[in-house]
Structure formats: C-alpha cells, structure tokens
Amino acid sequence: MESQRRYVGRARDLEVYKRACVVSLEINKATLAFPKIEQYALADQLRRSSKAICANLAEGFAKQPHSKAEFARFISMAMGSCSEVETWISYAFDLEYISKAQLDEWLRSYNQIYGMLVNLRGSLK
C-alpha cells in the first residue's frame, strides 16, 4: 500500500518547524526569569538562536520553488542555530538558571530537531 503524503504549503506545516517553534516559545518564557544582568546577554542569545531555526526554515522554504540548493543552505543555517542554542542551554544550566530536568528536556528536543533538519536537507537531493 502506498503511503499518503500530506501537501506542505508553508514552512509552518513542516513537523520540524512546529517542534522548533514549541521549544522556542518555552525558552522565550523561561528566559524571562533569568537575572536582569542576563536579559541582554545569555537570555537574548538563547531567544534569538531558538527563533532563528524557525526563521531560517520559513525563509528557505519560501525560496524552495526557485532553488532547492538555496533551501538546503537555509536548512544548514537552521542546523547551526540548533547547535548554538544547545550551547546556550548548557551555559544556562551551568549558571544554575535552569534545572537539570529542563536541560535534559531541551537538549533531547534539539537533538530530535537537528536530526529532522538533517533528514529534510537530505530529502532535497
């Protein structure tokens, strides 16, 4: 039996986009409780890098009809942002701004998101 494929009309229809958005919103809310000194440093870096995953997927997806290579480039940038956010999450844990449970949950989520990005980029070939 042939599997049914669902039409993806926009980046926000992609499962990886949805997952990245959910975690980004969690991070945004959590960083609001960081110390004031971190609001324009670590908290801002965490918010921006987590949002960049969705933003790069959206921009690259919009360019896909014209260039699969360009979409692949934006997916690669999203992968870079994914790795960046993992770094900032580790810093937040080391500075005791987030719990071990939160660290583990977010790292697990970003590990899955990274894998989905790798698969998406591979599907373009």
PDB file of N, CA and C in Angstrom:
ATOM      1  N   MET A   1       0.839  -1.177   0.000  1.00  0.00           N
ATOM      2  CA  MET A   1       0.000   0.000   0.000  1.00  0.00           C
ATOM      3  C   MET A   1       0.885   1.242   0.000  1.00  0.00           C
ATOM      4  N   GLU A   2       0.595   2.167  -0.851  1.00  0.00           N
ATOM      5  CA  GLU A   2       1.378   3.393  -0.957  1.00  0.00           C
ATOM      6  C   GLU A   2       1.005   4.340   0.181  1.00  0.00           C
ATOM      7  N   SER A   3       1.998   4.890   0.828  1.00  0.00           N
ATOM      8  CA  SER A   3       1.708   5.813   1.923  1.00  0.00           C
ATOM      9  C   SER A   3       1.237   7.154   1.360  1.00  0.00           C
ATOM     10  N   GLN A   4       0.331   7.773   2.078  1.00  0.00           N
ATOM     11  CA  GLN A   4      -0.177   9.065   1.643  1.00  0.00           C
ATOM     12  C   GLN A   4       0.757  10.154   2.131  1.00  0.00           C
ATOM     13  N   ARG A   5       1.090  11.069   1.234  1.00  0.00           N
ATOM     14  CA  ARG A   5       1.923  12.203   1.602  1.00  0.00           C
ATOM     15  C   ARG A   5       1.021  13.419   1.729  1.00  0.00           C
ATOM     16  N   ARG A   6       1.233  14.152   2.771  1.00  0.00           N
ATOM     17  CA  ARG A   6       0.454  15.364   3.007  1.00  0.00           C
ATOM     18  C   ARG A   6       1.154  16.532   2.348  1.00  0.00           C
ATOM     19  N   TYR A   7       0.406  17.353   1.643  1.00  0.00           N
ATOM     20  CA  TYR A   7       0.967  18.518   0.973  1.00  0.00           C
ATOM     21  C   TYR A   7       1.449  19.523   2.006  1.00  0.00           C
ATOM     22  N   VAL A   8       2.636  20.014   1.810  1.00  0.00           N
ATOM     23  CA  VAL A   8       3.210  21.021   2.692  1.00  0.00           C
ATOM     24  C   VAL A   8       3.255  22.325   1.898  1.00  0.00           C
ATOM     25  N   GLY A   9       2.379  23.244   2.251  1.00  0.00           N
ATOM     26  CA  GLY A   9       2.273  24.502   1.518  1.00  0.00           C
ATOM     27  C   GLY A   9       3.107  25.626   2.084  1.00  0.00           C
ATOM     28  N   ARG A  10       3.431  25.523   3.375  1.00  0.00           N
ATOM     29  CA  ARG A  10       4.223  26.569   4.033  1.00  0.00           C
ATOM     30  C   ARG A  10       5.182  25.921   5.016  1.00  0.00           C
ATOM     31  N   ALA A  11       6.192  26.649   5.374  1.00  0.00           N
ATOM     32  CA  ALA A  11       7.176  26.124   6.326  1.00  0.00           C
ATOM     33  C   ALA A  11       6.512  25.718   7.637  1.00  0.00           C
ATOM     34  N   ARG A  12       5.539  26.488   8.066  1.00  0.00           N
ATOM     35  CA  ARG A  12       4.915  26.180   9.354  1.00  0.00           C
ATOM     36  C   ARG A  12       4.116  24.887   9.323  1.00  0.00           C
ATOM     37  N   ASP A  13       3.932  24.292   8.137  1.00  0.00           N
ATOM     38  CA  ASP A  13       3.299  22.979   8.027  1.00  0.00           C
ATOM     39  C   ASP A  13       4.292  21.837   8.257  1.00  0.00           C
ATOM     40  N   LEU A  14       5.580  22.141   8.228  1.00  0.00           N
ATOM     41  CA  LEU A  14       6.617  21.130   8.446  1.00  0.00           C
ATOM     42  C   LEU A  14       6.644  20.731   9.923  1.00  0.00           C
ATOM     43  N   GLU A  15       6.741  19.442  10.201  1.00  0.00           N
ATOM     44  CA  GLU A  15       6.799  18.964  11.585  1.00  0.00           C
ATOM     45  C   GLU A  15       8.015  19.542  12.325  1.00  0.00           C
ATOM     46  N   VAL A  16       9.144  19.651  11.656  1.00  0.00           N
ATOM     47  CA  VAL A  16      10.337  20.188  12.302  1.00  0.00           C
ATOM     48  C   VAL A  16      10.127  21.652  12.695  1.00  0.00           C
ATOM     49  N   TYR A  17       9.433  22.399  11.866  1.00  0.00           N
ATOM     50  CA  TYR A  17       9.128  23.799  12.183  1.00  0.00           C
ATOM     51  C   TYR A  17       8.243  23.859  13.427  1.00  0.00           C
ATOM     52  N   LYS A  18       7.213  23.034  13.461  1.00  0.00           N
ATOM     53  CA  LYS A  18       6.291  23.013  14.599  1.00  0.00           C
ATOM     54  C   LYS A  18       7.018  22.695  15.896  1.00  0.00           C
ATOM     55  N   ARG A  19       7.871  21.682  15.854  1.00  0.00           N
ATOM     56  CA  ARG A  19       8.615  21.291  17.068  1.00  0.00           C
ATOM     57  C   ARG A  19       9.567  22.390  17.513  1.00  0.00           C
ATOM     58  N   ALA A  20      10.272  22.975  16.546  1.00  0.00           N
ATOM     59  CA  ALA A  20      11.221  24.047  16.885  1.00  0.00           C
ATOM     60  C   ALA A  20      10.491  25.247  17.477  1.00  0.00           C
ATOM     61  N   CYS A  21       9.320  25.538  16.970  1.00  0.00           N
ATOM     62  CA  CYS A  21       8.533  26.671  17.459  1.00  0.00           C
ATOM     63  C   CYS A  21       8.078  26.438  18.901  1.00  0.00           C
ATOM     64  N   VAL A  22       7.614  25.249  19.195  1.00  0.00           N
ATOM     65  CA  VAL A  22       7.151  24.933  20.557  1.00  0.00           C
ATOM     66  C   VAL A  22       8.290  25.114  21.566  1.00  0.00           C
ATOM     67  N   VAL A  23       9.457  24.576  21.252  1.00  0.00           N
ATOM     68  CA  VAL A  23      10.587  24.676  22.182  1.00  0.00           C
ATOM     69  C   VAL A  23      11.071  26.117  22.277  1.00  0.00           C
ATOM     70  N   SER A  24      11.060  26.830  21.170  1.00  0.00           N
ATOM     71  CA  SER A  24      11.465  28.232  21.179  1.00  0.00           C
ATOM     72  C   SER A  24      10.568  29.059  22.094  1.00  0.00           C
ATOM     73  N   LEU A  25       9.277  28.802  22.053  1.00  0.00           N
ATOM     74  CA  LEU A  25       8.355  29.518  22.940  1.00  0.00           C
ATOM     75  C   LEU A  25       8.614  29.175  24.408  1.00  0.00           C
ATOM     76  N   GLU A  26       8.924  27.910  24.687  1.00  0.00           N
ATOM     77  CA  GLU A  26       9.273  27.516  26.066  1.00  0.00           C
ATOM     78  C   GLU A  26      10.513  28.272  26.530  1.00  0.00           C
ATOM     79  N   ILE A  27      11.510  28.329  25.664  1.00  0.00           N
ATOM     80  CA  ILE A  27      12.758  29.024  26.000  1.00  0.00           C
ATOM     81  C   ILE A  27      12.490  30.505  26.225  1.00  0.00           C
ATOM     82  N   ASN A  28      11.687  31.094  25.352  1.00  0.00           N
ATOM     83  CA  ASN A  28      11.372  32.516  25.493  1.00  0.00           C
ATOM     84  C   ASN A  28      10.764  32.802  26.864  1.00  0.00           C
ATOM     85  N   LYS A  29       9.805  31.995  27.264  1.00  0.00           N
ATOM     86  CA  LYS A  29       9.147  32.182  28.565  1.00  0.00           C
ATOM     87  C   LYS A  29      10.126  31.967  29.716  1.00  0.00           C
ATOM     88  N   ALA A  30      10.922  30.910  29.622  1.00  0.00           N
ATOM     89  CA  ALA A  30      11.858  30.591  30.709  1.00  0.00           C
ATOM     90  C   ALA A  30      12.918  31.670  30.888  1.00  0.00           C
ATOM     91  N   THR A  31      13.389  32.243  29.787  1.00  0.00           N
ATOM     92  CA  THR A  31      14.471  33.235  29.893  1.00  0.00           C
ATOM     93  C   THR A  31      13.998  34.550  30.501  1.00  0.00           C
ATOM     94  N   LEU A  32      12.702  34.766  30.531  1.00  0.00           N
ATOM     95  CA  LEU A  32      12.190  35.987  31.163  1.00  0.00           C
ATOM     96  C   LEU A  32      12.479  35.999  32.658  1.00  0.00           C
ATOM     97  N   ALA A  33      12.726  34.824  33.234  1.00  0.00           N
ATOM     98  CA  ALA A  33      13.028  34.718  34.666  1.00  0.00           C
ATOM     99  C   ALA A  33      14.539  34.775  34.950  1.00  0.00           C
ATOM    100  N   PHE A  34      15.353  34.859  33.914  1.00  0.00           N
ATOM    101  CA  PHE A  34      16.800  34.960  34.131  1.00  0.00           C
ATOM    102  C   PHE A  34      17.109  36.291  34.833  1.00  0.00           C
ATOM    103  N   PRO A  35      18.238  36.354  35.533  1.00  0.00           N
ATOM    104  CA  PRO A  35      18.614  37.605  36.204  1.00  0.00           C
ATOM    105  C   PRO A  35      18.686  38.773  35.210  1.00  0.00           C
ATOM    106  N   LYS A  36      18.429  39.949  35.708  1.00  0.00           N
ATOM    107  CA  LYS A  36      18.415  41.156  34.872  1.00  0.00           C
ATOM    108  C   LYS A  36      19.710  41.315  34.085  1.00  0.00           C
ATOM    109  N   ILE A  37      20.822  40.996  34.690  1.00  0.00           N
ATOM    110  CA  ILE A  37      22.117  41.140  34.019  1.00  0.00           C
ATOM    111  C   ILE A  37      22.224  40.254  32.775  1.00  0.00           C
ATOM    112  N   GLU A  38      21.441  39.179  32.744  1.00  0.00           N
ATOM    113  CA  GLU A  38      21.476  38.246  31.615  1.00  0.00           C
ATOM    114  C   GLU A  38      20.431  38.546  30.531  1.00  0.00           C
ATOM    115  N   GLN A  39      19.532  39.480  30.766  1.00  0.00           N
ATOM    116  CA  GLN A  39      18.460  39.726  29.807  1.00  0.00           C
ATOM    117  C   GLN A  39      18.966  40.202  28.447  1.00  0.00           C
ATOM    118  N   TYR A  40      20.084  40.913  28.425  1.00  0.00           N
ATOM    119  CA  TYR A  40      20.628  41.392  27.151  1.00  0.00           C
ATOM    120  C   TYR A  40      21.871  40.607  26.741  1.00  0.00           C
ATOM    121  N   ALA A  41      22.103  39.506  27.419  1.00  0.00           N
ATOM    122  CA  ALA A  41      23.260  38.665  27.096  1.00  0.00           C
ATOM    123  C   ALA A  41      22.776  37.244  26.829  1.00  0.00           C
ATOM    124  N   LEU A  42      22.927  36.378  27.800  1.00  0.00           N
ATOM    125  CA  LEU A  42      22.593  34.972  27.616  1.00  0.00           C
ATOM    126  C   LEU A  42      21.122  34.755  27.231  1.00  0.00           C
ATOM    127  N   ALA A  43      20.214  35.404  27.930  1.00  0.00           N
ATOM    128  CA  ALA A  43      18.787  35.224  27.630  1.00  0.00           C
ATOM    129  C   ALA A  43      18.482  35.658  26.197  1.00  0.00           C
ATOM    130  N   ASP A  44      19.045  36.773  25.787  1.00  0.00           N
ATOM    131  CA  ASP A  44      18.822  37.265  24.430  1.00  0.00           C
ATOM    132  C   ASP A  44      19.404  36.310  23.393  1.00  0.00           C
ATOM    133  N   GLN A  45      20.595  35.790  23.650  1.00  0.00           N
ATOM    134  CA  GLN A  45      21.223  34.837  22.725  1.00  0.00           C
ATOM    135  C   GLN A  45      20.375  33.571  22.591  1.00  0.00           C
ATOM    136  N   LEU A  46      19.875  33.089  23.714  1.00  0.00           N
ATOM    137  CA  LEU A  46      19.018  31.902  23.702  1.00  0.00           C
ATOM    138  C   LEU A  46      17.741  32.147  22.898  1.00  0.00           C
ATOM    139  N   ARG A  47      17.121  33.285  23.138  1.00  0.00           N
ATOM    140  CA  ARG A  47      15.886  33.597  22.414  1.00  0.00           C
ATOM    141  C   ARG A  47      16.149  33.729  20.917  1.00  0.00           C
ATOM    142  N   ARG A  48      17.193  34.455  20.557  1.00  0.00           N
ATOM    143  CA  ARG A  48      17.468  34.684  19.137  1.00  0.00           C
ATOM    144  C   ARG A  48      17.859  33.410  18.405  1.00  0.00           C
ATOM    145  N   SER A  49      18.707  32.589  19.007  1.00  0.00           N
ATOM    146  CA  SER A  49      19.133  31.371  18.316  1.00  0.00           C
ATOM    147  C   SER A  49      17.993  30.367  18.195  1.00  0.00           C
ATOM    148  N   SER A  50      17.117  30.304  19.198  1.00  0.00           N
ATOM    149  CA  SER A  50      15.984  29.369  19.094  1.00  0.00           C
ATOM    150  C   SER A  50      14.979  29.843  18.042  1.00  0.00           C
ATOM    151  N   LYS A  51      14.771  31.141  17.945  1.00  0.00           N
ATOM    152  CA  LYS A  51      13.865  31.689  16.932  1.00  0.00           C
ATOM    153  C   LYS A  51      14.441  31.562  15.528  1.00  0.00           C
ATOM    154  N   ALA A  52      15.756  31.605  15.418  1.00  0.00           N
ATOM    155  CA  ALA A  52      16.419  31.565  14.110  1.00  0.00           C
ATOM    156  C   ALA A  52      16.161  30.256  13.375  1.00  0.00           C
ATOM    157  N   ILE A  53      15.933  29.186  14.101  1.00  0.00           N
ATOM    158  CA  ILE A  53      15.649  27.900  13.450  1.00  0.00           C
ATOM    159  C   ILE A  53      14.378  28.032  12.620  1.00  0.00           C
ATOM    160  N   CYS A  54      13.321  28.525  13.235  1.00  0.00           N
ATOM    161  CA  CYS A  54      12.048  28.705  12.526  1.00  0.00           C
ATOM    162  C   CYS A  54      12.186  29.744  11.419  1.00  0.00           C
ATOM    163  N   ALA A  55      12.863  30.832  11.696  1.00  0.00           N
ATOM    164  CA  ALA A  55      13.010  31.899  10.698  1.00  0.00           C
ATOM    165  C   ALA A  55      13.763  31.405   9.464  1.00  0.00           C
ATOM    166  N   ASN A  56      14.819  30.642   9.671  1.00  0.00           N
ATOM    167  CA  ASN A  56      15.578  30.123   8.524  1.00  0.00           C
ATOM    168  C   ASN A  56      14.769  29.107   7.729  1.00  0.00           C
ATOM    169  N   LEU A  57      14.002  28.273   8.412  1.00  0.00           N
ATOM    170  CA  LEU A  57      13.137  27.334   7.697  1.00  0.00           C
ATOM    171  C   LEU A  57      12.100  28.083   6.861  1.00  0.00           C
ATOM    172  N   ALA A  58      11.513  29.110   7.443  1.00  0.00           N
ATOM    173  CA  ALA A  58      10.493  29.877   6.725  1.00  0.00           C
ATOM    174  C   ALA A  58      11.078  30.571   5.499  1.00  0.00           C
ATOM    175  N   GLU A  59      12.210  31.224   5.660  1.00  0.00           N
ATOM    176  CA  GLU A  59      12.813  31.937   4.530  1.00  0.00           C
ATOM    177  C   GLU A  59      13.283  30.969   3.452  1.00  0.00           C
ATOM    178  N   GLY A  60      13.929  29.901   3.865  1.00  0.00           N
ATOM    179  CA  GLY A  60      14.409  28.922   2.893  1.00  0.00           C
ATOM    180  C   GLY A  60      13.280  28.222   2.167  1.00  0.00           C
ATOM    181  N   PHE A  61      12.212  27.899   2.892  1.00  0.00           N
ATOM    182  CA  PHE A  61      11.073  27.223   2.277  1.00  0.00           C
ATOM    183  C   PHE A  61      10.445  28.105   1.202  1.00  0.00           C
ATOM    184  N   ALA A  62      10.361  29.389   1.467  1.00  0.00           N
ATOM    185  CA  ALA A  62       9.778  30.322   0.501  1.00  0.00           C
ATOM    186  C   ALA A  62      10.603  30.396  -0.780  1.00  0.00           C
ATOM    187  N   LYS A  63      11.891  30.129  -0.680  1.00  0.00           N
ATOM    188  CA  LYS A  63      12.772  30.177  -1.852  1.00  0.00           C
ATOM    189  C   LYS A  63      12.864  28.831  -2.569  1.00  0.00           C
ATOM    190  N   GLN A  64      12.310  27.798  -1.961  1.00  0.00           N
ATOM    191  CA  GLN A  64      12.409  26.444  -2.492  1.00  0.00           C
ATOM    192  C   GLN A  64      11.921  26.300  -3.936  1.00  0.00           C
ATOM    193  N   PRO A  65      10.811  26.913  -4.309  1.00  0.00           N
ATOM    194  CA  PRO A  65      10.360  26.730  -5.702  1.00  0.00           C
ATOM    195  C   PRO A  65      11.381  27.206  -6.735  1.00  0.00           C
ATOM    196  N   HIS A  66      12.241  28.113  -6.342  1.00  0.00           N
ATOM    197  CA  HIS A  66      13.236  28.669  -7.248  1.00  0.00           C
ATOM    198  C   HIS A  66      14.584  27.979  -7.139  1.00  0.00           C
ATOM    199  N   SER A  67      14.878  27.444  -5.950  1.00  0.00           N
ATOM    200  CA  SER A  67      16.195  26.843  -5.763  1.00  0.00           C
ATOM    201  C   SER A  67      16.206  25.902  -4.562  1.00  0.00           C
ATOM    202  N   LYS A  68      16.292  24.613  -4.842  1.00  0.00           N
ATOM    203  CA  LYS A  68      16.410  23.625  -3.760  1.00  0.00           C
ATOM    204  C   LYS A  68      17.744  23.820  -3.023  1.00  0.00           C
ATOM    205  N   ALA A  69      18.774  24.225  -3.755  1.00  0.00           N
ATOM    206  CA  ALA A  69      20.081  24.456  -3.135  1.00  0.00           C
ATOM    207  C   ALA A  69      20.001  25.590  -2.112  1.00  0.00           C
ATOM    208  N   GLU A  70      19.235  26.609  -2.438  1.00  0.00           N
ATOM    209  CA  GLU A  70      19.065  27.730  -1.506  1.00  0.00           C
ATOM    210  C   GLU A  70      18.307  27.271  -0.263  1.00  0.00           C
ATOM    211  N   PHE A  71      17.280  26.455  -0.438  1.00  0.00           N
ATOM    212  CA  PHE A  71      16.555  25.910   0.709  1.00  0.00           C
ATOM    213  C   PHE A  71      17.498  25.074   1.569  1.00  0.00           C
ATOM    214  N   ALA A  72      18.331  24.250   0.943  1.00  0.00           N
ATOM    215  CA  ALA A  72      19.298  23.431   1.680  1.00  0.00           C
ATOM    216  C   ALA A  72      20.250  24.312   2.484  1.00  0.00           C
ATOM    217  N   ARG A  73      20.635  25.448   1.911  1.00  0.00           N
ATOM    218  CA  ARG A  73      21.536  26.380   2.613  1.00  0.00           C
ATOM    219  C   ARG A  73      20.849  26.934   3.864  1.00  0.00           C
ATOM    220  N   PHE A  74      19.581  27.273   3.751  1.00  0.00           N
ATOM    221  CA  PHE A  74      18.852  27.793   4.916  1.00  0.00           C
ATOM    222  C   PHE A  74      18.630  26.700   5.964  1.00  0.00           C
ATOM    223  N   ILE A  75      18.443  25.471   5.524  1.00  0.00           N
ATOM    224  CA  ILE A  75      18.341  24.364   6.481  1.00  0.00           C
ATOM    225  C   ILE A  75      19.661  24.215   7.228  1.00  0.00           C
ATOM    226  N   SER A  76      20.759  24.352   6.516  1.00  0.00           N
ATOM    227  CA  SER A  76      22.080  24.280   7.163  1.00  0.00           C
ATOM    228  C   SER A  76      22.247  25.392   8.193  1.00  0.00           C
ATOM    229  N   MET A  77      21.750  26.581   7.882  1.00  0.00           N
ATOM    230  CA  MET A  77      21.818  27.677   8.858  1.00  0.00           C
ATOM    231  C   MET A  77      20.952  27.355  10.075  1.00  0.00           C
ATOM    232  N   ALA A  78      19.794  26.736   9.841  1.00  0.00           N
ATOM    233  CA  ALA A  78      18.935  26.321  10.959  1.00  0.00           C
ATOM    234  C   ALA A  78      19.658  25.285  11.827  1.00  0.00           C
ATOM    235  N   MET A  79      20.405  24.397  11.177  1.00  0.00           N
ATOM    236  CA  MET A  79      21.189  23.402  11.924  1.00  0.00           C
ATOM    237  C   MET A  79      22.240  24.093  12.789  1.00  0.00           C
ATOM    238  N   GLY A  80      22.863  25.124  12.248  1.00  0.00           N
ATOM    239  CA  GLY A  80      23.841  25.897  13.021  1.00  0.00           C
ATOM    240  C   GLY A  80      23.197  26.565  14.223  1.00  0.00           C
ATOM    241  N   SER A  81      22.018  27.122  14.026  1.00  0.00           N
ATOM    242  CA  SER A  81      21.297  27.756  15.134  1.00  0.00           C
ATOM    243  C   SER A  81      20.896  26.721  16.180  1.00  0.00           C
ATOM    244  N   CYS A  82      20.570  25.539  15.732  1.00  0.00           N
ATOM    245  CA  CYS A  82      20.214  24.448  16.639  1.00  0.00           C
ATOM    246  C   CYS A  82      21.414  24.111  17.537  1.00  0.00           C
ATOM    247  N   SER A  83      22.573  24.013  16.935  1.00  0.00           N
ATOM    248  CA  SER A  83      23.787  23.741  17.713  1.00  0.00           C
ATOM    249  C   SER A  83      24.109  24.903  18.651  1.00  0.00           C
ATOM    250  N   GLU A  84      23.876  26.119  18.178  1.00  0.00           N
ATOM    251  CA  GLU A  84      24.130  27.292  19.015  1.00  0.00           C
ATOM    252  C   GLU A  84      23.223  27.300  20.244  1.00  0.00           C
ATOM    253  N   VAL A  85      21.940  27.029  20.043  1.00  0.00           N
ATOM    254  CA  VAL A  85      21.017  27.055  21.171  1.00  0.00           C
ATOM    255  C   VAL A  85      21.378  25.972  22.193  1.00  0.00           C
ATOM    256  N   GLU A  86      21.867  24.836  21.729  1.00  0.00           N
ATOM    257  CA  GLU A  86      22.325  23.790  22.663  1.00  0.00           C
ATOM    258  C   GLU A  86      23.470  24.306  23.537  1.00  0.00           C
ATOM    259  N   THR A  87      24.345  25.085  22.962  1.00  0.00           N
ATOM    260  CA  THR A  87      25.459  25.665  23.721  1.00  0.00           C
ATOM    261  C   THR A  87      24.937  26.617  24.787  1.00  0.00           C
ATOM    262  N   TRP A  88      24.014  27.508  24.405  1.00  0.00           N
ATOM    263  CA  TRP A  88      23.481  28.479  25.368  1.00  0.00           C
ATOM    264  C   TRP A  88      22.656  27.796  26.454  1.00  0.00           C
ATOM    265  N   ILE A  89      21.964  26.723  26.114  1.00  0.00           N
ATOM    266  CA  ILE A  89      21.220  25.966  27.120  1.00  0.00           C
ATOM    267  C   ILE A  89      22.183  25.400  28.164  1.00  0.00           C
ATOM    268  N   SER A  90      23.303  24.885  27.698  1.00  0.00           N
ATOM    269  CA  SER A  90      24.307  24.339  28.623  1.00  0.00           C
ATOM    270  C   SER A  90      24.861  25.432  29.530  1.00  0.00           C
ATOM    271  N   TYR A  91      25.106  26.609  28.964  1.00  0.00           N
ATOM    272  CA  TYR A  91      25.555  27.742  29.787  1.00  0.00           C
ATOM    273  C   TYR A  91      24.506  28.073  30.848  1.00  0.00           C
ATOM    274  N   ALA A  92      23.240  28.118  30.442  1.00  0.00           N
ATOM    275  CA  ALA A  92      22.166  28.449  31.382  1.00  0.00           C
ATOM    276  C   ALA A  92      22.115  27.444  32.531  1.00  0.00           C
ATOM    277  N   PHE A  93      22.340  26.176  32.207  1.00  0.00           N
ATOM    278  CA  PHE A  93      22.362  25.161  33.261  1.00  0.00           C
ATOM    279  C   PHE A  93      23.577  25.358  34.167  1.00  0.00           C
ATOM    280  N   ASP A  94      24.749  25.557  33.571  1.00  0.00           N
ATOM    281  CA  ASP A  94      25.977  25.736  34.355  1.00  0.00           C
ATOM    282  C   ASP A  94      25.881  26.943  35.289  1.00  0.00           C
ATOM    283  N   LEU A  95      25.134  27.956  34.876  1.00  0.00           N
ATOM    284  CA  LEU A  95      24.955  29.148  35.710  1.00  0.00           C
ATOM    285  C   LEU A  95      23.760  29.013  36.658  1.00  0.00           C
ATOM    286  N   GLU A  96      23.134  27.834  36.637  1.00  0.00           N
ATOM    287  CA  GLU A  96      22.020  27.488  37.521  1.00  0.00           C
ATOM    288  C   GLU A  96      20.765  28.328  37.274  1.00  0.00           C
ATOM    289  N   TYR A  97      20.542  28.683  35.997  1.00  0.00           N
ATOM    290  CA  TYR A  97      19.327  29.406  35.623  1.00  0.00           C
ATOM    291  C   TYR A  97      18.212  28.445  35.232  1.00  0.00           C
ATOM    292  N   ILE A  98      18.580  27.216  34.859  1.00  0.00           N
ATOM    293  CA  ILE A  98      17.596  26.185  34.534  1.00  0.00           C
ATOM    294  C   ILE A  98      17.974  24.901  35.271  1.00  0.00           C
ATOM    295  N   SER A  99      16.989  24.053  35.454  1.00  0.00           N
ATOM    296  CA  SER A  99      17.206  22.789  36.173  1.00  0.00           C
ATOM    297  C   SER A  99      17.820  21.734  35.253  1.00  0.00           C
ATOM    298  N   LYS A 100      18.294  20.662  35.854  1.00  0.00           N
ATOM    299  CA  LYS A 100      18.826  19.529  35.099  1.00  0.00           C
ATOM    300  C   LYS A 100      17.720  18.919  34.233  1.00  0.00           C
ATOM    301  N   ALA A 101      16.519  18.825  34.788  1.00  0.00           N
ATOM    302  CA  ALA A 101      15.391  18.274  34.025  1.00  0.00           C
ATOM    303  C   ALA A 101      15.106  19.129  32.791  1.00  0.00           C
ATOM    304  N   GLN A 102      15.150  20.463  32.950  1.00  0.00           N
ATOM    305  CA  GLN A 102      14.915  21.362  31.822  1.00  0.00           C
ATOM    306  C   GLN A 102      16.023  21.234  30.788  1.00  0.00           C
ATOM    307  N   LEU A 103      17.256  21.176  31.261  1.00  0.00           N
ATOM    308  CA  LEU A 103      18.408  20.979  30.367  1.00  0.00           C
ATOM    309  C   LEU A 103      18.216  19.719  29.541  1.00  0.00           C
ATOM    310  N   ASP A 104      17.926  18.614  30.210  1.00  0.00           N
ATOM    311  CA  ASP A 104      17.770  17.331  29.515  1.00  0.00           C
ATOM    312  C   ASP A 104      16.628  17.367  28.509  1.00  0.00           C
ATOM    313  N   GLU A 105      15.506  17.962  28.907  1.00  0.00           N
ATOM    314  CA  GLU A 105      14.343  18.023  28.022  1.00  0.00           C
ATOM    315  C   GLU A 105      14.664  18.844  26.768  1.00  0.00           C
ATOM    316  N   TRP A 106      15.259  20.011  26.950  1.00  0.00           N
ATOM    317  CA  TRP A 106      15.576  20.868  25.801  1.00  0.00           C
ATOM    318  C   TRP A 106      16.643  20.251  24.912  1.00  0.00           C
ATOM    319  N   LEU A 107      17.675  19.668  25.522  1.00  0.00           N
ATOM    320  CA  LEU A 107      18.717  19.036  24.702  1.00  0.00           C
ATOM    321  C   LEU A 107      18.152  17.863  23.910  1.00  0.00           C
ATOM    322  N   ARG A 108      17.267  17.103  24.509  1.00  0.00           N
ATOM    323  CA  ARG A 108      16.621  15.996  23.805  1.00  0.00           C
ATOM    324  C   ARG A 108      15.788  16.542  22.633  1.00  0.00           C
ATOM    325  N   SER A 109      15.055  17.608  22.881  1.00  0.00           N
ATOM    326  CA  SER A 109      14.240  18.219  21.825  1.00  0.00           C
ATOM    327  C   SER A 109      15.114  18.721  20.677  1.00  0.00           C
ATOM    328  N   TYR A 110      16.185  19.408  21.004  1.00  0.00           N
ATOM    329  CA  TYR A 110      17.045  19.953  19.946  1.00  0.00           C
ATOM    330  C   TYR A 110      17.831  18.869  19.227  1.00  0.00           C
ATOM    331  N   ASN A 111      18.109  17.773  19.903  1.00  0.00           N
ATOM    332  CA  ASN A 111      18.737  16.644  19.235  1.00  0.00           C
ATOM    333  C   ASN A 111      17.784  16.073  18.181  1.00  0.00           C
ATOM    334  N   GLN A 112      16.513  15.960  18.529  1.00  0.00           N
ATOM    335  CA  GLN A 112      15.500  15.481  17.574  1.00  0.00           C
ATOM    336  C   GLN A 112      15.331  16.472  16.426  1.00  0.00           C
ATOM    337  N   ILE A 113      15.260  17.746  16.749  1.00  0.00           N
ATOM    338  CA  ILE A 113      15.092  18.777  15.723  1.00  0.00           C
ATOM    339  C   ILE A 113      16.276  18.756  14.767  1.00  0.00           C
ATOM    340  N   TYR A 114      17.477  18.633  15.305  1.00  0.00           N
ATOM    341  CA  TYR A 114      18.676  18.588  14.465  1.00  0.00           C
ATOM    342  C   TYR A 114      18.597  17.405  13.494  1.00  0.00           C
ATOM    343  N   GLY A 115      18.212  16.243  14.011  1.00  0.00           N
ATOM    344  CA  GLY A 115      18.073  15.056  13.161  1.00  0.00           C
ATOM    345  C   GLY A 115      17.029  15.252  12.076  1.00  0.00           C
ATOM    346  N   MET A 116      15.929  15.908  12.429  1.00  0.00           N
ATOM    347  CA  MET A 116      14.888  16.180  11.432  1.00  0.00           C
ATOM    348  C   MET A 116      15.401  17.143  10.362  1.00  0.00           C
ATOM    349  N   LEU A 117      16.214  18.103  10.766  1.00  0.00           N
ATOM    350  CA  LEU A 117      16.799  19.039   9.793  1.00  0.00           C
ATOM    351  C   LEU A 117      17.758  18.310   8.841  1.00  0.00           C
ATOM    352  N   VAL A 118      18.560  17.399   9.388  1.00  0.00           N
ATOM    353  CA  VAL A 118      19.469  16.603   8.562  1.00  0.00           C
ATOM    354  C   VAL A 118      18.663  15.804   7.530  1.00  0.00           C
ATOM    355  N   ASN A 119      17.589  15.174   7.989  1.00  0.00           N
ATOM    356  CA  ASN A 119      16.742  14.393   7.088  1.00  0.00           C
ATOM    357  C   ASN A 119      16.073  15.266   6.028  1.00  0.00           C
ATOM    358  N   LEU A 120      15.606  16.438   6.447  1.00  0.00           N
ATOM    359  CA  LEU A 120      14.966  17.338   5.490  1.00  0.00           C
ATOM    360  C   LEU A 120      15.957  17.789   4.421  1.00  0.00           C
ATOM    361  N   ARG A 121      17.141  18.167   4.851  1.00  0.00           N
ATOM    362  CA  ARG A 121      18.168  18.585   3.884  1.00  0.00           C
ATOM    363  C   ARG A 121      18.520  17.430   2.946  1.00  0.00           C
ATOM    364  N   GLY A 122      18.622  16.224   3.478  1.00  0.00           N
ATOM    365  CA  GLY A 122      18.924  15.053   2.658  1.00  0.00           C
ATOM    366  C   GLY A 122      17.837  14.740   1.650  1.00  0.00           C
ATOM    367  N   SER A 123      16.603  15.056   1.997  1.00  0.00           N
ATOM    368  CA  SER A 123      15.490  14.767   1.082  1.00  0.00           C
ATOM    369  C   SER A 123      15.483  15.687  -0.142  1.00  0.00           C
ATOM    370  N   LEU A 124      16.231  16.747  -0.091  1.00  0.00           N
ATOM    371  CA  LEU A 124      16.273  17.706  -1.209  1.00  0.00           C
ATOM    372  C   LEU A 124      17.170  17.235  -2.346  1.00  0.00           C
ATOM    373  N   LYS A 125      17.988  16.223  -2.072  1.00  0.00           N
ATOM    374  CA  LYS A 125      18.944  15.762  -3.079  1.00  0.00           C
ATOM    375  C   LYS A 125      18.323  14.837  -4.086  1.00  0.00           C
TER     376      LYS A 125
END
